[in-house]
C-alpha atoms as a PDB file:
ATOM      1  CA  UNK A   1      -0.048   0.003   0.031  1.00  0.00           C
ATOM      2  CA  UNK A   2       1.213   3.555  -0.625  1.00  0.00           C
ATOM      3  CA  UNK A   3       0.081   6.545   1.389  1.00  0.00           C
ATOM      4  CA  UNK A   4      -1.750   8.995  -0.823  1.00  0.00           C
ATOM      5  CA  UNK A   5      -2.956  11.521   1.557  1.00  0.00           C
ATOM      6  CA  UNK A   6      -2.520  12.687   5.237  1.00  0.00           C
ATOM      7  CA  UNK A   7      -5.248  15.155   6.331  1.00  0.00           C
ATOM      8  CA  UNK A   8      -5.853  16.851   9.538  1.00  0.00           C
ATOM      9  CA  UNK A   9      -9.383  16.033  10.932  1.00  0.00           C
ATOM     10  CA  UNK A  10     -11.672  18.977  11.194  1.00  0.00           C
ATOM     11  CA  UNK A  11     -13.331  17.845  14.516  1.00  0.00           C
ATOM     12  CA  UNK A  12     -10.093  16.686  16.100  1.00  0.00           C
ATOM     13  CA  UNK A  13      -7.115  18.974  15.077  1.00  0.00           C
ATOM     14  CA  UNK A  14      -4.706  16.859  16.992  1.00  0.00           C
ATOM     15  CA  UNK A  15      -5.446  13.936  14.793  1.00  0.00           C
ATOM     16  CA  UNK A  16      -5.075  12.906  11.085  1.00  0.00           C
ATOM     17  CA  UNK A  17      -6.683  10.755   8.682  1.00  0.00           C
ATOM     18  CA  UNK A  18      -4.372   8.606   6.721  1.00  0.00           C
ATOM     19  CA  UNK A  19      -5.307   7.424   3.135  1.00  0.00           C
ATOM     20  CA  UNK A  20      -3.544   4.559   1.286  1.00  0.00           C
ATOM     21  CA  UNK A  21      -4.257   3.912  -2.497  1.00  0.00           C
ATOM     22  CA  UNK A  22      -6.973   6.735  -2.465  1.00  0.00           C
ATOM     23  CA  UNK A  23      -8.864   4.921   0.396  1.00  0.00           C
ATOM     24  CA  UNK A  24      -9.209   5.823   4.095  1.00  0.00           C
ATOM     25  CA  UNK A  25      -6.937   3.544   5.978  1.00  0.00           C
ATOM     26  CA  UNK A  26      -6.630   4.850   9.639  1.00  0.00           C
ATOM     27  CA  UNK A  27      -6.957   7.717  12.021  1.00  0.00           C
ATOM     28  CA  UNK A  28      -4.005   8.745  14.071  1.00  0.00           C
ATOM     29  CA  UNK A  29      -2.939  11.320  16.598  1.00  0.00           C
ATOM     30  CA  UNK A  30      -0.329  13.640  15.282  1.00  0.00           C
ATOM     31  CA  UNK A  31       2.140  12.445  17.902  1.00  0.00           C
ATOM     32  CA  UNK A  32       1.916   8.818  16.682  1.00  0.00           C
ATOM     33  CA  UNK A  33       2.376  10.138  13.133  1.00  0.00           C
ATOM     34  CA  UNK A  34       5.516  12.071  13.937  1.00  0.00           C
ATOM     35  CA  UNK A  35       6.940   9.106  15.655  1.00  0.00           C
ATOM     36  CA  UNK A  36       6.319   6.891  12.697  1.00  0.00           C
ATOM     37  CA  UNK A  37       7.884   9.636  10.411  1.00  0.00           C
ATOM     38  CA  UNK A  38       5.213   8.762   7.691  1.00  0.00           C
ATOM     39  CA  UNK A  39       4.931  10.885   4.545  1.00  0.00           C
ATOM     40  CA  UNK A  40       2.771  10.952   1.431  1.00  0.00           C
ATOM     41  CA  UNK A  41       4.218   8.507  -1.060  1.00  0.00           C
ATOM     42  CA  UNK A  42       5.580   6.125   1.668  1.00  0.00           C
ATOM     43  CA  UNK A  43       4.783   2.463   1.295  1.00  0.00           C
ATOM     44  CA  UNK A  44       3.093   1.100   4.344  1.00  0.00           C
ATOM     45  CA  UNK A  45       2.320  -2.583   5.134  1.00  0.00           C
ATOM     46  CA  UNK A  46      -0.403  -4.407   7.124  1.00  0.00           C
ATOM     47  CA  UNK A  47       2.053  -5.167  10.042  1.00  0.00           C
ATOM     48  CA  UNK A  48       2.911  -1.542  10.140  1.00  0.00           C
ATOM     49  CA  UNK A  49      -0.765  -0.563  10.361  1.00  0.00           C
ATOM     50  CA  UNK A  50      -1.276  -3.036  13.214  1.00  0.00           C
ATOM     51  CA  UNK A  51       1.797  -1.539  15.044  1.00  0.00           C
ATOM     52  CA  UNK A  52       0.365   1.990  14.636  1.00  0.00           C
ATOM     53  CA  UNK A  53      -3.026   0.836  15.943  1.00  0.00           C
ATOM     54  CA  UNK A  54      -1.376  -0.565  19.009  1.00  0.00           C
ATOM     55  CA  UNK A  55       0.706   2.655  19.622  1.00  0.00           C
ATOM     56  CA  UNK A  56      -2.508   4.744  19.078  1.00  0.00           C
ATOM     57  CA  UNK A  57      -4.227   2.501  21.791  1.00  0.00           C
ATOM     58  CA  UNK A  58      -1.435   2.921  24.248  1.00  0.00           C
ATOM     59  CA  UNK A  59      -1.275   6.631  23.760  1.00  0.00           C
ATOM     60  CA  UNK A  60      -5.126   6.865  24.126  1.00  0.00           C
ATOM     61  CA  UNK A  61      -5.104   4.724  27.380  1.00  0.00           C
ATOM     62  CA  UNK A  62      -2.244   6.795  28.795  1.00  0.00           C
ATOM     63  CA  UNK A  63      -3.948  10.077  28.017  1.00  0.00           C
ATOM     64  CA  UNK A  64      -7.214   8.781  29.746  1.00  0.00           C
ATOM     65  CA  UNK A  65      -5.150   7.777  32.839  1.00  0.00           C
ATOM     66  CA  UNK A  66      -3.410  11.198  32.813  1.00  0.00           C
ATOM     67  CA  UNK A  67      -6.694  12.934  32.692  1.00  0.00           C
ATOM     68  CA  UNK A  68      -7.908  10.948  35.695  1.00  0.00           C
ATOM     69  CA  UNK A  69      -4.787  11.930  37.679  1.00  0.00           C
ATOM     70  CA  UNK A  70      -5.213  15.664  36.718  1.00  0.00           C
ATOM     71  CA  UNK A  71      -8.471  15.617  38.769  1.00  0.00           C
ATOM     72  CA  UNK A  72      -7.052  14.217  41.766  1.00  0.00           C
ATOM     73  CA  UNK A  73      -4.523  11.531  42.964  1.00  0.00           C
ATOM     74  CA  UNK A  74      -5.780   7.923  42.325  1.00  0.00           C
ATOM     75  CA  UNK A  75      -5.040   4.458  43.600  1.00  0.00           C
ATOM     76  CA  UNK A  76      -3.609   1.902  41.001  1.00  0.00           C
ATOM     77  CA  UNK A  77      -6.848   0.030  41.335  1.00  0.00           C
ATOM     78  CA  UNK A  78      -8.927   3.113  40.433  1.00  0.00           C
ATOM     79  CA  UNK A  79      -7.088   3.719  37.336  1.00  0.00           C
ATOM     80  CA  UNK A  80      -7.219  -0.031  36.367  1.00  0.00           C
ATOM     81  CA  UNK A  81     -11.001  -0.044  36.798  1.00  0.00           C
ATOM     82  CA  UNK A  82     -11.610   3.093  34.900  1.00  0.00           C
ATOM     83  CA  UNK A  83      -9.540   1.898  32.030  1.00  0.00           C
ATOM     84  CA  UNK A  84     -11.430  -1.411  31.968  1.00  0.00           C
ATOM     85  CA  UNK A  85     -14.672   0.502  31.945  1.00  0.00           C
ATOM     86  CA  UNK A  86     -13.236   2.258  28.653  1.00  0.00           C
ATOM     87  CA  UNK A  87     -12.673  -1.197  27.310  1.00  0.00           C
ATOM     88  CA  UNK A  88      -8.989  -1.020  26.992  1.00  0.00           C
ATOM     89  CA  UNK A  89      -7.472  -4.579  26.884  1.00  0.00           C
ATOM     90  CA  UNK A  90      -5.505  -5.989  29.838  1.00  0.00           C
ATOM     91  CA  UNK A  91      -2.048  -5.798  28.063  1.00  0.00           C
ATOM     92  CA  UNK A  92      -2.592  -2.122  27.341  1.00  0.00           C
ATOM     93  CA  UNK A  93      -3.718  -1.451  30.802  1.00  0.00           C
ATOM     94  CA  UNK A  94      -0.859  -3.239  32.320  1.00  0.00           C
ATOM     95  CA  UNK A  95       1.622  -1.346  30.088  1.00  0.00           C
ATOM     96  CA  UNK A  96       0.178   1.982  31.183  1.00  0.00           C
ATOM     97  CA  UNK A  97       0.083   1.167  34.762  1.00  0.00           C
ATOM     98  CA  UNK A  98       3.739   0.192  34.468  1.00  0.00           C
ATOM     99  CA  UNK A  99       4.567   3.514  32.817  1.00  0.00           C
ATOM    100  CA  UNK A 100       2.812   5.351  35.508  1.00  0.00           C
ATOM    101  CA  UNK A 101       4.637   3.523  38.399  1.00  0.00           C
ATOM    102  CA  UNK A 102       7.976   4.131  36.746  1.00  0.00           C
ATOM    103  CA  UNK A 103       7.129   7.870  36.466  1.00  0.00           C
ATOM    104  CA  UNK A 104       5.869   7.960  40.223  1.00  0.00           C
ATOM    105  CA  UNK A 105       2.502   9.063  39.117  1.00  0.00           C
ATOM    106  CA  UNK A 106       0.808   6.197  40.804  1.00  0.00           C
ATOM    107  CA  UNK A 107       2.190   4.873  44.078  1.00  0.00           C
ATOM    108  CA  UNK A 108      -0.441   3.184  46.416  1.00  0.00           C
ATOM    109  CA  UNK A 109       1.677   3.736  49.487  1.00  0.00           C
ATOM    110  CA  UNK A 110       2.112   7.490  48.967  1.00  0.00           C
ATOM    111  CA  UNK A 111      -1.594   7.692  47.757  1.00  0.00           C
ATOM    112  CA  UNK A 112      -2.721   6.185  51.235  1.00  0.00           C
ATOM    113  CA  UNK A 113      -0.506   8.354  53.346  1.00  0.00           C
ATOM    114  CA  UNK A 114      -1.640  11.494  51.455  1.00  0.00           C
ATOM    115  CA  UNK A 115      -5.339  10.509  51.558  1.00  0.00           C
ATOM    116  CA  UNK A 116      -5.189  10.004  55.411  1.00  0.00           C
ATOM    117  CA  UNK A 117      -3.179  13.375  55.827  1.00  0.00           C
ATOM    118  CA  UNK A 118      -5.688  15.313  53.845  1.00  0.00           C
ATOM    119  CA  UNK A 119      -8.772  13.584  55.274  1.00  0.00           C
ATOM    120  CA  UNK A 120      -7.589  14.511  58.887  1.00  0.00           C
ATOM    121  CA  UNK A 121      -7.373  18.080  57.819  1.00  0.00           C
ATOM    122  CA  UNK A 122     -10.382  18.478  55.790  1.00  0.00           C
ATOM    123  CA  UNK A 123     -13.035  15.968  56.894  1.00  0.00           C
ATOM    124  CA  UNK A 124     -11.493  14.158  59.926  1.00  0.00           C
ATOM    125  CA  UNK A 125     -12.311  10.501  60.231  1.00  0.00           C
ATOM    126  CA  UNK A 126     -11.400   7.808  62.786  1.00  0.00           C
ATOM    127  CA  UNK A 127      -9.150   4.887  62.043  1.00  0.00           C
ATOM    128  CA  UNK A 128     -11.878   2.522  61.120  1.00  0.00           C
ATOM    129  CA  UNK A 129     -13.334   4.738  58.542  1.00  0.00           C
ATOM    130  CA  UNK A 130      -9.944   5.737  57.115  1.00  0.00           C
ATOM    131  CA  UNK A 131      -9.182   1.993  56.638  1.00  0.00           C
ATOM    132  CA  UNK A 132     -12.546   1.323  55.104  1.00  0.00           C
ATOM    133  CA  UNK A 133     -12.325   4.150  52.492  1.00  0.00           C
ATOM    134  CA  UNK A 134      -8.850   3.308  51.474  1.00  0.00           C
ATOM    135  CA  UNK A 135      -9.917  -0.434  50.981  1.00  0.00           C
ATOM    136  CA  UNK A 136     -12.853   0.759  48.974  1.00  0.00           C
ATOM    137  CA  UNK A 137     -10.552   2.752  46.746  1.00  0.00           C
ATOM    138  CA  UNK A 138      -8.714  -0.488  46.078  1.00  0.00           C
ATOM    139  CA  UNK A 139      -5.498   0.042  48.130  1.00  0.00           C
ATOM    140  CA  UNK A 140      -4.248  -3.468  49.222  1.00  0.00           C
ATOM    141  CA  UNK A 141      -4.846  -4.261  52.924  1.00  0.00           C
ATOM    142  CA  UNK A 142      -1.048  -4.493  53.862  1.00  0.00           C
ATOM    143  CA  UNK A 143      -0.449  -1.152  52.356  1.00  0.00           C
ATOM    144  CA  UNK A 144      -3.356   0.445  54.128  1.00  0.00           C
ATOM    145  CA  UNK A 145      -2.110  -1.102  57.645  1.00  0.00           C
ATOM    146  CA  UNK A 146       1.347   0.301  56.930  1.00  0.00           C
ATOM    147  CA  UNK A 147      -0.047   3.735  55.940  1.00  0.00           C
ATOM    148  CA  UNK A 148      -2.396   3.960  58.845  1.00  0.00           C
ATOM    149  CA  UNK A 149       0.297   2.919  61.397  1.00  0.00           C
ATOM    150  CA  UNK A 150       2.757   5.324  59.923  1.00  0.00           C
ATOM    151  CA  UNK A 151       0.565   8.422  59.359  1.00  0.00           C
ATOM    152  CA  UNK A 152      -1.353   8.235  62.698  1.00  0.00           C
ATOM    153  CA  UNK A 153       1.757   7.827  64.775  1.00  0.00           C
ATOM    154  CA  UNK A 154       2.008  10.973  66.891  1.00  0.00           C
ATOM    155  CA  UNK A 155      -1.459  12.196  65.937  1.00  0.00           C
ATOM    156  CA  UNK A 156      -3.848  12.802  68.811  1.00  0.00           C
ATOM    157  CA  UNK A 157      -6.966  11.141  67.685  1.00  0.00           C
ATOM    158  CA  UNK A 158      -8.795  12.031  70.774  1.00  0.00           C
ATOM    159  CA  UNK A 159      -8.198  15.659  69.843  1.00  0.00           C
ATOM    160  CA  UNK A 160      -9.314  15.035  66.282  1.00  0.00           C
ATOM    161  CA  UNK A 161     -12.350  13.297  67.432  1.00  0.00           C
ATOM    162  CA  UNK A 162     -13.117  16.065  69.894  1.00  0.00           C
ATOM    163  CA  UNK A 163     -13.010  18.800  67.153  1.00  0.00           C
ATOM    164  CA  UNK A 164     -15.397  16.652  65.050  1.00  0.00           C
ATOM    165  CA  UNK A 165     -17.587  16.354  68.177  1.00  0.00           C
ATOM    166  CA  UNK A 166     -17.635  20.067  68.835  1.00  0.00           C
ATOM    167  CA  UNK A 167     -18.658  20.929  65.244  1.00  0.00           C
ATOM    168  CA  UNK A 168     -21.435  18.575  65.367  1.00  0.00           C
ATOM    169  CA  UNK A 169     -22.433  19.748  68.906  1.00  0.00           C
ATOM    170  CA  UNK A 170     -22.736  23.379  67.656  1.00  0.00           C
ATOM    171  CA  UNK A 171     -24.962  22.200  64.865  1.00  0.00           C
ATOM    172  CA  UNK A 172     -27.197  20.334  67.351  1.00  0.00           C
ATOM    173  CA  UNK A 173     -27.187  23.406  69.672  1.00  0.00           C
ATOM    174  CA  UNK A 174     -28.461  25.693  66.719  1.00  0.00           C
ATOM    175  CA  UNK A 175     -31.158  23.409  65.578  1.00  0.00           C
ATOM    176  CA  UNK A 176     -34.736  24.684  65.765  1.00  0.00           C
ATOM    177  CA  UNK A 177     -35.333  22.296  68.678  1.00  0.00           C
ATOM    178  CA  UNK A 178     -32.291  21.640  70.496  1.00  0.00           C
ATOM    179  CA  UNK A 179     -31.804  18.275  72.409  1.00  0.00           C
ATOM    180  CA  UNK A 180     -31.408  18.040  76.139  1.00  0.00           C
ATOM    181  CA  UNK A 181     -27.840  17.161  77.172  1.00  0.00           C
ATOM    182  CA  UNK A 182     -28.454  13.508  77.500  1.00  0.00           C
ATOM    183  CA  UNK A 183     -29.899  13.070  73.989  1.00  0.00           C
ATOM    184  CA  UNK A 184     -27.171  15.224  72.667  1.00  0.00           C
ATOM    185  CA  UNK A 185     -24.598  12.922  74.367  1.00  0.00           C
ATOM    186  CA  UNK A 186     -26.055   9.852  72.529  1.00  0.00           C
ATOM    187  CA  UNK A 187     -26.257  11.738  69.172  1.00  0.00           C
ATOM    188  CA  UNK A 188     -22.582  12.856  69.457  1.00  0.00           C
ATOM    189  CA  UNK A 189     -21.440   9.264  70.424  1.00  0.00           C
ATOM    190  CA  UNK A 190     -23.380   7.774  67.381  1.00  0.00           C
ATOM    191  CA  UNK A 191     -22.001  10.491  65.139  1.00  0.00           C
ATOM    192  CA  UNK A 192     -18.462   9.727  66.194  1.00  0.00           C
ATOM    193  CA  UNK A 193     -18.990   6.016  65.879  1.00  0.00           C
ATOM    194  CA  UNK A 194     -20.269   6.503  62.216  1.00  0.00           C
ATOM    195  CA  UNK A 195     -17.002   8.452  61.589  1.00  0.00           C
ATOM    196  CA  UNK A 196     -15.020   5.489  62.605  1.00  0.00           C
ATOM    197  CA  UNK A 197     -13.811   6.306  66.053  1.00  0.00           C
ATOM    198  CA  UNK A 198     -13.427   3.528  68.639  1.00  0.00           C
ATOM    199  CA  UNK A 199     -15.383   3.443  71.867  1.00  0.00           C
ATOM    200  CA  UNK A 200     -12.341   4.333  73.920  1.00  0.00           C
ATOM    201  CA  UNK A 201     -11.922   7.582  71.951  1.00  0.00           C
ATOM    202  CA  UNK A 202     -15.606   8.326  72.060  1.00  0.00           C
ATOM    203  CA  UNK A 203     -15.511   7.820  75.830  1.00  0.00           C
ATOM    204  CA  UNK A 204     -12.658  10.243  76.293  1.00  0.00           C
ATOM    205  CA  UNK A 205     -14.343  12.859  73.950  1.00  0.00           C
ATOM    206  CA  UNK A 206     -17.719  12.570  75.736  1.00  0.00           C
ATOM    207  CA  UNK A 207     -15.942  13.101  79.099  1.00  0.00           C
ATOM    208  CA  UNK A 208     -14.042  16.159  77.957  1.00  0.00           C
ATOM    209  CA  UNK A 209     -17.304  17.763  76.766  1.00  0.00           C
ATOM    210  CA  UNK A 210     -18.831  17.367  80.395  1.00  0.00           C
ATOM    211  CA  UNK A 211     -22.177  16.017  79.119  1.00  0.00           C
ATOM    212  CA  UNK A 212     -24.273  14.084  81.637  1.00  0.00           C
ATOM    213  CA  UNK A 213     -24.257  10.422  81.413  1.00  0.00           C
ATOM    214  CA  UNK A 214     -27.344   8.509  80.531  1.00  0.00           C
ATOM    215  CA  UNK A 215     -28.524   5.638  78.318  1.00  0.00           C
ATOM    216  CA  UNK A 216     -26.081   5.658  75.325  1.00  0.00           C
ATOM    217  CA  UNK A 217     -27.279   4.329  72.092  1.00  0.00           C
ATOM    218  CA  UNK A 218     -23.881   3.279  71.134  1.00  0.00           C
ATOM    219  CA  UNK A 219     -23.793   0.794  73.999  1.00  0.00           C
ATOM    220  CA  UNK A 220     -27.032  -0.996  73.049  1.00  0.00           C
END
């Protein structure tokens, strides 16, 4: 086959349509075309076309992954799942994940540590919920265990939980029909439990808030 025309696509200026023997042959990104150094008049074989298709697929998958990472950091499993949703084949996905690992753009250990640090600053959670969320994001359990152990070392989780409780307490106090102190205590304890704090921390927080003891829904 001989390349007879290379034409920029009107709707996608970054891509070209390649024609051989007067017939449309394949659409390519300009990046792949430049790498291949193809020009009008060159001969092109079917194996070469297959190679170009494979390169185009790799580039497309890589760009899809980079777009995901541009929004926020991702776990390796998140990227894998999203690329599968886009119906890229397993070999392509494996190759892209390998490239991203080598470039330091995906690193589950660093992702987990960063997730924990940011969560404690923006929307504090207890250890149980931190673990749960990381597992749901596809981070392997051993990496989660290491990240939690490392990142929470030296963090006063009672203080973190107390700040969470105070925010919730103010919301309860400013509701149209504020609860009595005992009901407020129960609601705060349940709120902290849902946030993933263990009972030992919840007890310490409730004690620091000086709320009267009563029947606690968390104990039922």
